[in-house]
Amino acid sequence: DAEERTTTEGAKNVVLFVGSSIFREWRELRAFDEDWARDGWRVKNRAFGGSTTADVLRAFDDVASSTVASADARKIIVYYCG
């Protein structure tokens, strides 16, 4: 969404969480984002409830391209689907 994209712009590096509701509902990601922001990282949660591996793979290009603003940004992708 537009709000999330705005907060990612200017971020030097991105940690992207994708997968099922285990990440979507993980409240601790907010604290994780605050901790990593000091070192130029943004933490983005792009998980969606009920997703399967096939769902995540179908949506991945759109999710990743809307999250990572810079081609030279370092990226960490954390994936889980149950």
N, C-alpha and C. Protein backbone atom coordinates (compact mmCIF):
# COMPACT_ATOMS: atom_id res chain seq x y z
N ASP A 1 0.82 -1.19 0.00
CA ASP A 1 0.00 0.00 0.00
C ASP A 1 0.87 1.25 0.00
N ALA A 2 0.27 2.41 -0.26
CA ALA A 2 1.02 3.65 -0.43
C ALA A 2 1.76 4.06 0.83
N GLU A 3 1.15 3.88 1.99
CA GLU A 3 1.81 4.26 3.24
C GLU A 3 3.08 3.45 3.45
N GLU A 4 3.02 2.16 3.23
CA GLU A 4 4.18 1.30 3.40
C GLU A 4 5.28 1.66 2.41
N ARG A 5 4.92 1.92 1.16
CA ARG A 5 5.93 2.28 0.16
C ARG A 5 6.64 3.56 0.55
N THR A 6 5.91 4.53 1.08
CA THR A 6 6.51 5.80 1.48
C THR A 6 7.52 5.58 2.59
N THR A 7 7.22 4.75 3.56
CA THR A 7 8.15 4.55 4.65
C THR A 7 9.39 3.78 4.21
N THR A 8 9.32 3.05 3.10
CA THR A 8 10.47 2.31 2.60
C THR A 8 11.38 3.21 1.77
N GLU A 9 10.84 4.21 1.12
CA GLU A 9 11.65 5.08 0.29
C GLU A 9 12.74 5.72 1.14
N GLY A 10 13.95 5.74 0.60
CA GLY A 10 15.07 6.31 1.32
C GLY A 10 15.75 5.33 2.24
N ALA A 11 15.15 4.17 2.45
CA ALA A 11 15.79 3.15 3.28
C ALA A 11 16.95 2.57 2.51
N LYS A 12 18.06 2.44 3.19
CA LYS A 12 19.26 1.92 2.55
C LYS A 12 19.13 0.42 2.29
N ASN A 13 18.52 -0.29 3.22
CA ASN A 13 18.42 -1.73 3.15
C ASN A 13 17.05 -2.17 3.66
N VAL A 14 16.60 -3.35 3.22
CA VAL A 14 15.25 -3.80 3.57
C VAL A 14 15.27 -5.26 4.02
N VAL A 15 14.57 -5.54 5.13
CA VAL A 15 14.26 -6.91 5.55
C VAL A 15 12.80 -7.12 5.22
N LEU A 16 12.53 -8.09 4.35
CA LEU A 16 11.17 -8.32 3.86
C LEU A 16 10.66 -9.65 4.39
N PHE A 17 9.56 -9.60 5.14
CA PHE A 17 8.91 -10.80 5.65
C PHE A 17 7.75 -11.13 4.72
N VAL A 18 7.75 -12.33 4.13
CA VAL A 18 6.65 -12.77 3.26
C VAL A 18 6.21 -14.16 3.69
N GLY A 19 4.95 -14.45 3.46
CA GLY A 19 4.43 -15.76 3.81
C GLY A 19 3.02 -15.68 4.34
N SER A 20 2.72 -16.56 5.26
CA SER A 20 1.35 -16.71 5.76
C SER A 20 1.10 -15.87 7.01
N SER A 21 -0.01 -16.12 7.64
CA SER A 21 -0.46 -15.28 8.76
C SER A 21 0.45 -15.32 9.96
N ILE A 22 1.34 -16.29 10.05
CA ILE A 22 2.25 -16.30 11.20
C ILE A 22 3.08 -15.01 11.23
N PHE A 23 3.45 -14.48 10.07
CA PHE A 23 4.15 -13.19 10.00
C PHE A 23 3.17 -12.03 10.01
N ARG A 24 2.05 -12.19 9.33
CA ARG A 24 1.09 -11.08 9.24
C ARG A 24 0.65 -10.63 10.62
N GLU A 25 0.50 -11.57 11.53
CA GLU A 25 0.02 -11.24 12.87
C GLU A 25 1.14 -11.11 13.90
N TRP A 26 2.36 -11.09 13.48
CA TRP A 26 3.50 -11.02 14.39
C TRP A 26 3.72 -9.58 14.83
N ARG A 27 3.24 -9.24 15.98
CA ARG A 27 3.30 -7.86 16.50
C ARG A 27 4.72 -7.39 16.81
N GLU A 28 5.60 -8.33 17.14
CA GLU A 28 6.96 -7.97 17.51
C GLU A 28 7.75 -7.36 16.36
N LEU A 29 7.26 -7.49 15.14
CA LEU A 29 7.96 -6.90 14.00
C LEU A 29 8.10 -5.39 14.15
N ARG A 30 7.18 -4.75 14.80
CA ARG A 30 7.28 -3.30 15.00
C ARG A 30 8.52 -2.95 15.81
N ALA A 31 8.77 -3.67 16.88
CA ALA A 31 9.95 -3.42 17.70
C ALA A 31 11.22 -3.77 16.92
N PHE A 32 11.15 -4.83 16.14
CA PHE A 32 12.28 -5.25 15.30
C PHE A 32 12.62 -4.13 14.32
N ASP A 33 11.61 -3.52 13.71
CA ASP A 33 11.82 -2.42 12.77
C ASP A 33 12.50 -1.25 13.45
N GLU A 34 12.06 -0.90 14.65
CA GLU A 34 12.66 0.22 15.38
C GLU A 34 14.14 -0.05 15.68
N ASP A 35 14.45 -1.27 16.09
CA ASP A 35 15.84 -1.63 16.41
C ASP A 35 16.73 -1.55 15.18
N TRP A 36 16.28 -2.07 14.06
CA TRP A 36 17.10 -2.12 12.85
C TRP A 36 17.17 -0.78 12.13
N ALA A 37 16.21 0.10 12.35
CA ALA A 37 16.18 1.40 11.67
C ALA A 37 17.41 2.23 11.99
N ARG A 38 17.95 2.05 13.17
CA ARG A 38 19.15 2.82 13.56
C ARG A 38 20.33 2.54 12.64
N ASP A 39 20.35 1.36 12.03
CA ASP A 39 21.46 0.97 11.16
C ASP A 39 21.10 1.08 9.68
N GLY A 40 20.04 1.81 9.36
CA GLY A 40 19.68 2.04 7.97
C GLY A 40 18.84 0.95 7.33
N TRP A 41 18.22 0.10 8.13
CA TRP A 41 17.37 -0.98 7.62
C TRP A 41 15.91 -0.64 7.88
N ARG A 42 15.04 -1.04 6.96
CA ARG A 42 13.60 -0.98 7.17
C ARG A 42 13.08 -2.41 7.16
N VAL A 43 12.17 -2.70 8.05
CA VAL A 43 11.57 -4.03 8.14
C VAL A 43 10.14 -3.91 7.61
N LYS A 44 9.82 -4.70 6.61
CA LYS A 44 8.50 -4.64 5.99
C LYS A 44 7.83 -6.01 6.06
N ASN A 45 6.60 -6.01 6.48
CA ASN A 45 5.82 -7.23 6.62
C ASN A 45 4.83 -7.30 5.46
N ARG A 46 5.06 -8.22 4.55
CA ARG A 46 4.19 -8.38 3.38
C ARG A 46 3.48 -9.74 3.38
N ALA A 47 3.29 -10.31 4.55
CA ALA A 47 2.62 -11.60 4.66
C ALA A 47 1.11 -11.40 4.52
N PHE A 48 0.43 -12.45 4.08
CA PHE A 48 -1.04 -12.39 4.00
C PHE A 48 -1.63 -13.70 4.44
N GLY A 49 -2.67 -13.60 5.26
CA GLY A 49 -3.29 -14.76 5.88
C GLY A 49 -3.85 -15.77 4.90
N GLY A 50 -3.66 -17.03 5.21
CA GLY A 50 -4.18 -18.10 4.39
C GLY A 50 -3.35 -18.40 3.15
N SER A 51 -2.22 -17.74 3.01
CA SER A 51 -1.43 -17.93 1.80
C SER A 51 -0.73 -19.28 1.80
N THR A 52 -0.55 -19.79 0.61
CA THR A 52 0.23 -21.00 0.38
C THR A 52 1.50 -20.59 -0.36
N THR A 53 2.42 -21.52 -0.50
CA THR A 53 3.64 -21.22 -1.26
C THR A 53 3.29 -20.75 -2.67
N ALA A 54 2.34 -21.39 -3.32
CA ALA A 54 1.95 -20.98 -4.67
C ALA A 54 1.42 -19.54 -4.68
N ASP A 55 0.63 -19.16 -3.67
CA ASP A 55 0.11 -17.79 -3.58
C ASP A 55 1.25 -16.78 -3.44
N VAL A 56 2.19 -17.09 -2.56
CA VAL A 56 3.31 -16.18 -2.32
C VAL A 56 4.15 -16.04 -3.58
N LEU A 57 4.43 -17.13 -4.26
CA LEU A 57 5.22 -17.06 -5.49
C LEU A 57 4.51 -16.26 -6.57
N ARG A 58 3.19 -16.40 -6.69
CA ARG A 58 2.43 -15.62 -7.68
C ARG A 58 2.51 -14.13 -7.39
N ALA A 59 2.49 -13.75 -6.12
CA ALA A 59 2.46 -12.33 -5.74
C ALA A 59 3.84 -11.75 -5.50
N PHE A 60 4.88 -12.56 -5.50
CA PHE A 60 6.18 -12.11 -5.03
C PHE A 60 6.76 -10.94 -5.82
N ASP A 61 6.71 -10.96 -7.13
CA ASP A 61 7.29 -9.86 -7.91
C ASP A 61 6.64 -8.53 -7.56
N ASP A 62 5.30 -8.51 -7.44
CA ASP A 62 4.62 -7.27 -7.07
C ASP A 62 4.98 -6.83 -5.67
N VAL A 63 5.02 -7.78 -4.75
CA VAL A 63 5.34 -7.47 -3.35
C VAL A 63 6.76 -6.93 -3.23
N ALA A 64 7.70 -7.61 -3.84
CA ALA A 64 9.10 -7.20 -3.72
C ALA A 64 9.36 -5.87 -4.42
N SER A 65 8.79 -5.67 -5.59
CA SER A 65 9.06 -4.42 -6.32
C SER A 65 8.43 -3.22 -5.64
N SER A 66 7.33 -3.40 -4.92
CA SER A 66 6.71 -2.27 -4.22
C SER A 66 7.37 -2.01 -2.87
N THR A 67 8.24 -2.89 -2.44
CA THR A 67 8.86 -2.77 -1.13
C THR A 67 10.27 -2.21 -1.22
N VAL A 68 11.05 -2.67 -2.16
CA VAL A 68 12.45 -2.28 -2.25
C VAL A 68 12.57 -1.12 -3.22
N ALA A 69 12.92 0.05 -2.70
CA ALA A 69 12.95 1.26 -3.50
C ALA A 69 14.20 1.38 -4.35
N SER A 70 15.29 0.81 -3.93
CA SER A 70 16.57 1.01 -4.61
C SER A 70 17.13 -0.31 -5.09
N ALA A 71 17.59 -0.33 -6.34
CA ALA A 71 18.16 -1.55 -6.90
C ALA A 71 19.43 -1.97 -6.19
N ASP A 72 20.16 -1.02 -5.63
CA ASP A 72 21.42 -1.35 -4.96
C ASP A 72 21.26 -1.57 -3.46
N ALA A 73 20.02 -1.53 -2.97
CA ALA A 73 19.77 -1.78 -1.55
C ALA A 73 20.07 -3.24 -1.22
N ARG A 74 20.61 -3.46 -0.03
CA ARG A 74 20.77 -4.84 0.44
C ARG A 74 19.41 -5.33 0.89
N LYS A 75 19.15 -6.62 0.65
CA LYS A 75 17.83 -7.19 0.95
C LYS A 75 17.99 -8.49 1.73
N ILE A 76 17.17 -8.65 2.74
CA ILE A 76 17.04 -9.93 3.43
C ILE A 76 15.58 -10.32 3.28
N ILE A 77 15.34 -11.53 2.79
CA ILE A 77 13.98 -12.02 2.64
C ILE A 77 13.77 -13.17 3.61
N VAL A 78 12.75 -13.02 4.47
CA VAL A 78 12.41 -14.06 5.44
C VAL A 78 11.07 -14.63 5.00
N TYR A 79 11.05 -15.92 4.70
CA TYR A 79 9.86 -16.55 4.12
C TYR A 79 9.37 -17.69 5.02
N TYR A 80 8.06 -17.75 5.19
CA TYR A 80 7.46 -18.89 5.88
C TYR A 80 6.02 -19.06 5.42
N CYS A 81 5.65 -20.26 5.07
CA CYS A 81 4.26 -20.62 4.80
C CYS A 81 4.01 -21.94 5.49
N GLY A 82 2.91 -22.02 6.25
CA GLY A 82 2.62 -23.23 7.00
C GLY A 82 1.79 -24.21 6.26
